[in-house]
Amino acid sequence: MRGFPPLQIFVLGLIFGLLAVPLAHLTGQAPRSAEERNGASTSSAHAGESQVVKGTSEHPEGEHKHVEVPALIRVRYAHRPLSVSLKAEGTELLPKLDLNTSPVEVSAEIEVSHDGNEFNLEAAWPPGTPDTALTVEIEPEGLDAQAETRWSTEAALHEILTFSW
């Protein structure tokens, strides 16, 4: 004996609807405070500074300060480079880097801009090293980590990386 297809579709839709409501409630965004909706929050690391840029489209222009926040920078590579340099506005973020292990982690202070941050990445490998990948991952305090991977050519790498939080 076979069922009535329109009734089976109705029951399936009803079950889907009953499951969709609690799932949407569980996976939806938590309510945000008015301060977060404006794209700013107070920074415990900078008591003198009042706001940290969050980098959202809701962020009002002219009502913010760009503050340097602590960040964790990870550098991963397959072939050990001779040198790696990552600069933000002329400031070296990877001073005296120990390249014996991968990944390498360094703490640094970076300015988080809602327009995006540009970093100048330079790396060099010994002659004869095949083209290889180098990944830079930056995780500012309180924001999601973002990673960019670039490939070297002829044992060298010169790239501009753009991160937006």
C-alpha atoms as a PDB file:
ATOM      1  CA  MET A   1       0.000   0.000   0.000  1.00  0.00           C
ATOM      2  CA  ARG A   2       1.369   3.404  -0.989  1.00  0.00           C
ATOM      3  CA  GLY A   3       0.932   6.710   0.764  1.00  0.00           C
ATOM      4  CA  PHE A   4      -0.692   9.837  -0.601  1.00  0.00           C
ATOM      5  CA  PRO A   5       2.230  12.015  -1.966  1.00  0.00           C
ATOM      6  CA  PRO A   6       0.714  15.449  -1.170  1.00  0.00           C
ATOM      7  CA  LEU A   7       0.189  14.324   2.435  1.00  0.00           C
ATOM      8  CA  GLN A   8       3.760  13.012   2.644  1.00  0.00           C
ATOM      9  CA  ILE A   9       5.134  16.331   1.318  1.00  0.00           C
ATOM     10  CA  PHE A  10       3.010  18.240   3.855  1.00  0.00           C
ATOM     11  CA  VAL A  11       4.304  16.081   6.741  1.00  0.00           C
ATOM     12  CA  LEU A  12       7.903  16.505   5.530  1.00  0.00           C
ATOM     13  CA  GLY A  13       7.453  20.291   5.329  1.00  0.00           C
ATOM     14  CA  LEU A  14       5.921  20.353   8.810  1.00  0.00           C
ATOM     15  CA  ILE A  15       8.866  18.395  10.271  1.00  0.00           C
ATOM     16  CA  PHE A  16      11.330  20.685   8.493  1.00  0.00           C
ATOM     17  CA  GLY A  17       9.544  23.773   9.846  1.00  0.00           C
ATOM     18  CA  LEU A  18       9.520  22.412  13.381  1.00  0.00           C
ATOM     19  CA  LEU A  19      13.266  21.712  13.219  1.00  0.00           C
ATOM     20  CA  ALA A  20      14.165  24.983  11.469  1.00  0.00           C
ATOM     21  CA  VAL A  21      12.826  27.264  14.212  1.00  0.00           C
ATOM     22  CA  PRO A  22      15.019  25.990  17.091  1.00  0.00           C
ATOM     23  CA  LEU A  23      18.035  25.558  14.804  1.00  0.00           C
ATOM     24  CA  ALA A  24      17.738  29.147  13.576  1.00  0.00           C
ATOM     25  CA  HIS A  25      17.461  30.279  17.173  1.00  0.00           C
ATOM     26  CA  LEU A  26      20.560  28.307  18.216  1.00  0.00           C
ATOM     27  CA  THR A  27      22.761  29.352  15.302  1.00  0.00           C
ATOM     28  CA  GLY A  28      21.620  32.971  15.050  1.00  0.00           C
ATOM     29  CA  GLN A  29      23.721  35.862  16.297  1.00  0.00           C
ATOM     30  CA  ALA A  30      23.578  36.730  19.955  1.00  0.00           C
ATOM     31  CA  PRO A  31      22.125  40.141  20.808  1.00  0.00           C
ATOM     32  CA  ARG A  32      24.779  42.828  20.625  1.00  0.00           C
ATOM     33  CA  SER A  33      25.150  45.841  22.857  1.00  0.00           C
ATOM     34  CA  ALA A  34      24.722  49.349  21.427  1.00  0.00           C
ATOM     35  CA  GLU A  35      28.492  49.864  21.690  1.00  0.00           C
ATOM     36  CA  GLU A  36      29.207  46.822  19.468  1.00  0.00           C
ATOM     37  CA  ARG A  37      26.560  47.885  16.939  1.00  0.00           C
ATOM     38  CA  ASN A  38      28.464  51.147  16.503  1.00  0.00           C
ATOM     39  CA  GLY A  39      31.598  49.131  15.728  1.00  0.00           C
ATOM     40  CA  ALA A  40      33.592  50.057  18.808  1.00  0.00           C
ATOM     41  CA  SER A  41      34.378  48.668  22.217  1.00  0.00           C
ATOM     42  CA  THR A  42      36.566  49.721  25.062  1.00  0.00           C
ATOM     43  CA  SER A  43      40.036  48.287  25.120  1.00  0.00           C
ATOM     44  CA  SER A  44      41.414  46.957  28.376  1.00  0.00           C
ATOM     45  CA  ALA A  45      44.936  47.099  26.933  1.00  0.00           C
ATOM     46  CA  HIS A  46      44.675  50.858  26.331  1.00  0.00           C
ATOM     47  CA  ALA A  47      43.003  52.541  29.270  1.00  0.00           C
ATOM     48  CA  GLY A  48      43.745  56.004  27.835  1.00  0.00           C
ATOM     49  CA  GLU A  49      42.218  55.165  24.452  1.00  0.00           C
ATOM     50  CA  SER A  50      38.445  55.039  24.343  1.00  0.00           C
ATOM     51  CA  GLN A  51      37.558  53.034  21.238  1.00  0.00           C
ATOM     52  CA  VAL A  52      38.895  50.235  19.085  1.00  0.00           C
ATOM     53  CA  VAL A  53      37.866  49.974  15.451  1.00  0.00           C
ATOM     54  CA  LYS A  54      35.861  46.817  14.704  1.00  0.00           C
ATOM     55  CA  GLY A  55      35.900  47.131  10.920  1.00  0.00           C
ATOM     56  CA  THR A  56      32.203  46.880  10.065  1.00  0.00           C
ATOM     57  CA  SER A  57      30.135  48.670   7.459  1.00  0.00           C
ATOM     58  CA  GLU A  58      28.088  50.091  10.338  1.00  0.00           C
ATOM     59  CA  HIS A  59      31.157  51.937  11.633  1.00  0.00           C
ATOM     60  CA  PRO A  60      30.458  55.704  11.497  1.00  0.00           C
ATOM     61  CA  GLU A  61      33.135  57.710   9.716  1.00  0.00           C
ATOM     62  CA  GLY A  62      34.789  60.414  11.827  1.00  0.00           C
ATOM     63  CA  GLU A  63      33.684  59.055  15.225  1.00  0.00           C
ATOM     64  CA  HIS A  64      36.580  56.729  15.915  1.00  0.00           C
ATOM     65  CA  LYS A  65      40.237  56.390  16.759  1.00  0.00           C
ATOM     66  CA  HIS A  66      42.582  53.869  15.239  1.00  0.00           C
ATOM     67  CA  VAL A  67      44.258  52.122  18.126  1.00  0.00           C
ATOM     68  CA  GLU A  68      47.099  49.663  18.105  1.00  0.00           C
ATOM     69  CA  VAL A  69      45.973  46.316  19.490  1.00  0.00           C
ATOM     70  CA  PRO A  70      48.025  43.263  20.470  1.00  0.00           C
ATOM     71  CA  ALA A  71      48.090  40.609  17.762  1.00  0.00           C
ATOM     72  CA  LEU A  72      49.509  37.138  17.311  1.00  0.00           C
ATOM     73  CA  ILE A  73      51.321  36.672  13.992  1.00  0.00           C
ATOM     74  CA  ARG A  74      52.031  33.156  12.696  1.00  0.00           C
ATOM     75  CA  VAL A  75      54.320  32.397   9.765  1.00  0.00           C
ATOM     76  CA  ARG A  76      54.203  28.927   8.149  1.00  0.00           C
ATOM     77  CA  TYR A  77      56.425  27.579   5.399  1.00  0.00           C
ATOM     78  CA  ALA A  78      57.422  24.283   3.805  1.00  0.00           C
ATOM     79  CA  HIS A  79      61.055  25.188   3.044  1.00  0.00           C
ATOM     80  CA  ARG A  80      62.962  27.168   5.673  1.00  0.00           C
ATOM     81  CA  PRO A  81      63.626  30.698   4.395  1.00  0.00           C
ATOM     82  CA  LEU A  82      66.843  32.607   5.023  1.00  0.00           C
ATOM     83  CA  SER A  83      64.883  35.701   6.050  1.00  0.00           C
ATOM     84  CA  VAL A  84      61.289  36.875   6.439  1.00  0.00           C
ATOM     85  CA  SER A  85      60.182  40.470   6.864  1.00  0.00           C
ATOM     86  CA  LEU A  86      56.646  41.727   7.524  1.00  0.00           C
ATOM     87  CA  LYS A  87      56.190  45.488   7.730  1.00  0.00           C
ATOM     88  CA  ALA A  88      53.178  47.637   8.518  1.00  0.00           C
ATOM     89  CA  GLU A  89      53.649  51.302   7.591  1.00  0.00           C
ATOM     90  CA  GLY A  90      57.428  50.867   7.660  1.00  0.00           C
ATOM     91  CA  THR A  91      57.494  49.181  11.082  1.00  0.00           C
ATOM     92  CA  GLU A  92      59.018  45.694  11.209  1.00  0.00           C
ATOM     93  CA  LEU A  93      56.615  43.255  12.904  1.00  0.00           C
ATOM     94  CA  LEU A  94      58.916  40.204  12.869  1.00  0.00           C
ATOM     95  CA  PRO A  95      62.190  41.322  14.495  1.00  0.00           C
ATOM     96  CA  LYS A  96      64.854  38.658  15.131  1.00  0.00           C
ATOM     97  CA  LEU A  97      62.723  35.795  13.911  1.00  0.00           C
ATOM     98  CA  ASP A  98      63.885  32.223  14.688  1.00  0.00           C
ATOM     99  CA  LEU A  99      63.149  30.323  11.447  1.00  0.00           C
ATOM    100  CA  ASN A 100      64.226  26.865  12.630  1.00  0.00           C
ATOM    101  CA  THR A 101      60.664  25.638  13.160  1.00  0.00           C
ATOM    102  CA  SER A 102      57.380  26.124  11.374  1.00  0.00           C
ATOM    103  CA  PRO A 103      55.040  27.728  12.356  1.00  0.00           C
ATOM    104  CA  VAL A 104      56.760  30.702  13.949  1.00  0.00           C
ATOM    105  CA  GLU A 105      54.634  32.792  16.328  1.00  0.00           C
ATOM    106  CA  VAL A 106      55.325  36.404  17.288  1.00  0.00           C
ATOM    107  CA  SER A 107      53.330  38.924  19.315  1.00  0.00           C
ATOM    108  CA  ALA A 108      53.144  42.445  17.948  1.00  0.00           C
ATOM    109  CA  GLU A 109      51.017  45.571  18.103  1.00  0.00           C
ATOM    110  CA  ILE A 110      49.108  46.423  14.914  1.00  0.00           C
ATOM    111  CA  GLU A 111      46.660  49.152  14.013  1.00  0.00           C
ATOM    112  CA  VAL A 112      43.290  47.766  12.969  1.00  0.00           C
ATOM    113  CA  SER A 113      41.659  49.926  10.314  1.00  0.00           C
ATOM    114  CA  HIS A 114      38.123  49.515   9.014  1.00  0.00           C
ATOM    115  CA  ASP A 115      39.487  50.209   5.516  1.00  0.00           C
ATOM    116  CA  GLY A 116      41.873  47.249   5.734  1.00  0.00           C
ATOM    117  CA  ASN A 117      45.515  46.946   6.690  1.00  0.00           C
ATOM    118  CA  GLU A 118      48.360  46.556   4.204  1.00  0.00           C
ATOM    119  CA  PHE A 119      51.478  44.626   5.113  1.00  0.00           C
ATOM    120  CA  ASN A 120      54.673  44.385   3.054  1.00  0.00           C
ATOM    121  CA  LEU A 121      55.935  40.772   3.028  1.00  0.00           C
ATOM    122  CA  GLU A 122      59.449  39.915   1.881  1.00  0.00           C
ATOM    123  CA  ALA A 123      61.193  36.559   2.125  1.00  0.00           C
ATOM    124  CA  ALA A 124      64.308  34.950   0.677  1.00  0.00           C
ATOM    125  CA  TRP A 125      65.346  31.301   0.350  1.00  0.00           C
ATOM    126  CA  PRO A 126      68.712  29.693  -0.467  1.00  0.00           C
ATOM    127  CA  PRO A 127      69.494  29.417  -4.204  1.00  0.00           C
ATOM    128  CA  GLY A 128      68.050  26.271  -5.742  1.00  0.00           C
ATOM    129  CA  THR A 129      65.004  26.158  -3.459  1.00  0.00           C
ATOM    130  CA  PRO A 130      61.896  25.229  -5.480  1.00  0.00           C
ATOM    131  CA  ASP A 131      58.933  27.605  -5.552  1.00  0.00           C
ATOM    132  CA  THR A 132      57.323  27.317  -2.149  1.00  0.00           C
ATOM    133  CA  ALA A 133      54.411  28.740  -0.172  1.00  0.00           C
ATOM    134  CA  LEU A 134      54.592  31.050   2.806  1.00  0.00           C
ATOM    135  CA  THR A 135      51.477  31.688   4.932  1.00  0.00           C
ATOM    136  CA  VAL A 136      51.042  34.683   7.209  1.00  0.00           C
ATOM    137  CA  GLU A 137      48.215  34.483   9.755  1.00  0.00           C
ATOM    138  CA  ILE A 138      47.348  37.523  11.875  1.00  0.00           C
ATOM    139  CA  GLU A 139      44.998  37.314  14.856  1.00  0.00           C
ATOM    140  CA  PRO A 140      44.329  40.684  16.549  1.00  0.00           C
ATOM    141  CA  GLU A 141      43.049  40.502  20.114  1.00  0.00           C
ATOM    142  CA  GLY A 142      39.270  40.194  20.089  1.00  0.00           C
ATOM    143  CA  LEU A 143      39.018  39.625  16.311  1.00  0.00           C
ATOM    144  CA  ASP A 144      39.069  36.570  14.061  1.00  0.00           C
ATOM    145  CA  ALA A 145      42.328  35.268  12.659  1.00  0.00           C
ATOM    146  CA  GLN A 146      42.941  35.813   8.944  1.00  0.00           C
ATOM    147  CA  ALA A 147      45.552  34.144   6.774  1.00  0.00           C
ATOM    148  CA  GLU A 148      47.125  34.886   3.399  1.00  0.00           C
ATOM    149  CA  THR A 149      49.306  32.441   1.460  1.00  0.00           C
ATOM    150  CA  ARG A 150      51.760  33.542  -1.225  1.00  0.00           C
ATOM    151  CA  TRP A 151      54.086  31.532  -3.451  1.00  0.00           C
ATOM    152  CA  SER A 152      57.732  32.407  -4.006  1.00  0.00           C
ATOM    153  CA  THR A 153      59.369  32.661  -7.415  1.00  0.00           C
ATOM    154  CA  GLU A 154      63.075  32.066  -7.923  1.00  0.00           C
ATOM    155  CA  ALA A 155      63.784  31.799  -4.168  1.00  0.00           C
ATOM    156  CA  ALA A 156      62.300  35.242  -3.383  1.00  0.00           C
ATOM    157  CA  LEU A 157      58.977  36.728  -2.370  1.00  0.00           C
ATOM    158  CA  HIS A 158      57.882  40.391  -2.423  1.00  0.00           C
ATOM    159  CA  GLU A 159      54.153  40.892  -1.837  1.00  0.00           C
ATOM    160  CA  ILE A 160      51.653  43.334  -0.369  1.00  0.00           C
ATOM    161  CA  LEU A 161      49.092  41.577   1.860  1.00  0.00           C
ATOM    162  CA  THR A 162      45.748  43.186   2.704  1.00  0.00           C
ATOM    163  CA  PHE A 163      43.791  42.133   5.775  1.00  0.00           C
ATOM    164  CA  SER A 164      40.330  43.466   6.680  1.00  0.00           C
ATOM    165  CA  TRP A 165      38.695  42.855  10.028  1.00  0.00           C
END
